[in-house]
Amino acid sequence: MRTNTLWTVLGVIAAVVIAWFLVNVLLSLVGFVFKVLLVAIVAVVVFFVLRAVFSRRDVD
């Protein structure tokens, strides 16, 4: 095996390992952002429900 071929194989392996790490980080980040958005939406809905419930009690 020539030295050039060995460096090519090592470069491909390194590229795959780096890509695997980057994809893992990006998917974790996307998952975190999705969770934050979902929590924000649920919090807004709960806020308006609680506000509606307590505003009815004040009128009576």
C-alpha atoms as a PDB file:
ATOM      1  CA  MET A   1       0.000   0.000   0.000  1.00  0.00           C
ATOM      2  CA  ARG A   2       1.344   3.398  -0.955  1.00  0.00           C
ATOM      3  CA  THR A   3       1.676   6.243   1.532  1.00  0.00           C
ATOM      4  CA  ASN A   4      -0.682   8.395  -0.516  1.00  0.00           C
ATOM      5  CA  THR A   5      -3.409   5.742  -0.314  1.00  0.00           C
ATOM      6  CA  LEU A   6      -2.912   5.389   3.432  1.00  0.00           C
ATOM      7  CA  TRP A   7      -3.364   9.130   3.967  1.00  0.00           C
ATOM      8  CA  THR A   8      -6.486   9.064   1.802  1.00  0.00           C
ATOM      9  CA  VAL A   9      -8.004   6.258   3.875  1.00  0.00           C
ATOM     10  CA  LEU A  10      -7.117   8.036   7.121  1.00  0.00           C
ATOM     11  CA  GLY A  11      -8.591  11.279   5.767  1.00  0.00           C
ATOM     12  CA  VAL A  12     -11.838   9.551   4.870  1.00  0.00           C
ATOM     13  CA  ILE A  13     -12.071   7.971   8.325  1.00  0.00           C
ATOM     14  CA  ALA A  14     -11.378  11.321   9.989  1.00  0.00           C
ATOM     15  CA  ALA A  15     -14.002  13.029   7.809  1.00  0.00           C
ATOM     16  CA  VAL A  16     -16.617  10.426   8.748  1.00  0.00           C
ATOM     17  CA  VAL A  17     -15.844  10.760  12.477  1.00  0.00           C
ATOM     18  CA  ILE A  18     -16.006  14.567  12.335  1.00  0.00           C
ATOM     19  CA  ALA A  19     -19.231  14.490  10.303  1.00  0.00           C
ATOM     20  CA  TRP A  20     -20.773  12.005  12.772  1.00  0.00           C
ATOM     21  CA  PHE A  21     -19.923  14.339  15.682  1.00  0.00           C
ATOM     22  CA  LEU A  22     -21.247  17.447  13.903  1.00  0.00           C
ATOM     23  CA  VAL A  23     -24.510  15.778  12.907  1.00  0.00           C
ATOM     24  CA  ASN A  24     -24.983  14.561  16.475  1.00  0.00           C
ATOM     25  CA  VAL A  25     -24.446  18.082  17.844  1.00  0.00           C
ATOM     26  CA  LEU A  26     -26.744  19.668  15.259  1.00  0.00           C
ATOM     27  CA  LEU A  27     -29.543  17.172  15.902  1.00  0.00           C
ATOM     28  CA  SER A  28     -29.249  17.742  19.645  1.00  0.00           C
ATOM     29  CA  LEU A  29     -29.448  21.489  19.080  1.00  0.00           C
ATOM     30  CA  VAL A  30     -32.487  21.163  16.825  1.00  0.00           C
ATOM     31  CA  GLY A  31     -34.149  18.913  19.402  1.00  0.00           C
ATOM     32  CA  PHE A  32     -33.465  21.455  22.160  1.00  0.00           C
ATOM     33  CA  VAL A  33     -34.872  24.331  20.090  1.00  0.00           C
ATOM     34  CA  PHE A  34     -37.980  22.258  19.281  1.00  0.00           C
ATOM     35  CA  LYS A  35     -38.508  21.488  22.987  1.00  0.00           C
ATOM     36  CA  VAL A  36     -38.144  25.159  23.912  1.00  0.00           C
ATOM     37  CA  LEU A  37     -40.684  26.181  21.270  1.00  0.00           C
ATOM     38  CA  LEU A  38     -43.105  23.491  22.411  1.00  0.00           C
ATOM     39  CA  VAL A  39     -42.772  24.567  26.052  1.00  0.00           C
ATOM     40  CA  ALA A  40     -43.359  28.196  25.074  1.00  0.00           C
ATOM     41  CA  ILE A  41     -46.534  27.312  23.151  1.00  0.00           C
ATOM     42  CA  VAL A  42     -47.896  25.198  26.006  1.00  0.00           C
ATOM     43  CA  ALA A  43     -47.043  27.936  28.526  1.00  0.00           C
ATOM     44  CA  VAL A  44     -48.960  30.533  26.491  1.00  0.00           C
ATOM     45  CA  VAL A  45     -51.996  28.238  26.238  1.00  0.00           C
ATOM     46  CA  VAL A  46     -51.921  27.502  29.977  1.00  0.00           C
ATOM     47  CA  PHE A  47     -51.542  31.211  30.746  1.00  0.00           C
ATOM     48  CA  PHE A  48     -54.644  32.116  28.752  1.00  0.00           C
ATOM     49  CA  VAL A  49     -56.641  29.239  30.238  1.00  0.00           C
ATOM     50  CA  LEU A  50     -55.716  30.278  33.783  1.00  0.00           C
ATOM     51  CA  ARG A  51     -56.478  33.905  32.990  1.00  0.00           C
ATOM     52  CA  ALA A  52     -59.900  32.943  31.644  1.00  0.00           C
ATOM     53  CA  VAL A  53     -60.645  30.791  34.701  1.00  0.00           C
ATOM     54  CA  PHE A  54     -59.669  33.461  37.217  1.00  0.00           C
ATOM     55  CA  SER A  55     -61.384  36.295  35.366  1.00  0.00           C
ATOM     56  CA  ARG A  56     -64.711  34.417  35.564  1.00  0.00           C
ATOM     57  CA  ARG A  57     -64.372  34.109  39.344  1.00  0.00           C
ATOM     58  CA  ASP A  58     -63.760  37.853  39.734  1.00  0.00           C
ATOM     59  CA  VAL A  59     -66.969  38.725  37.839  1.00  0.00           C
ATOM     60  CA  ASP A  60     -69.228  36.626  40.109  1.00  0.00           C
END
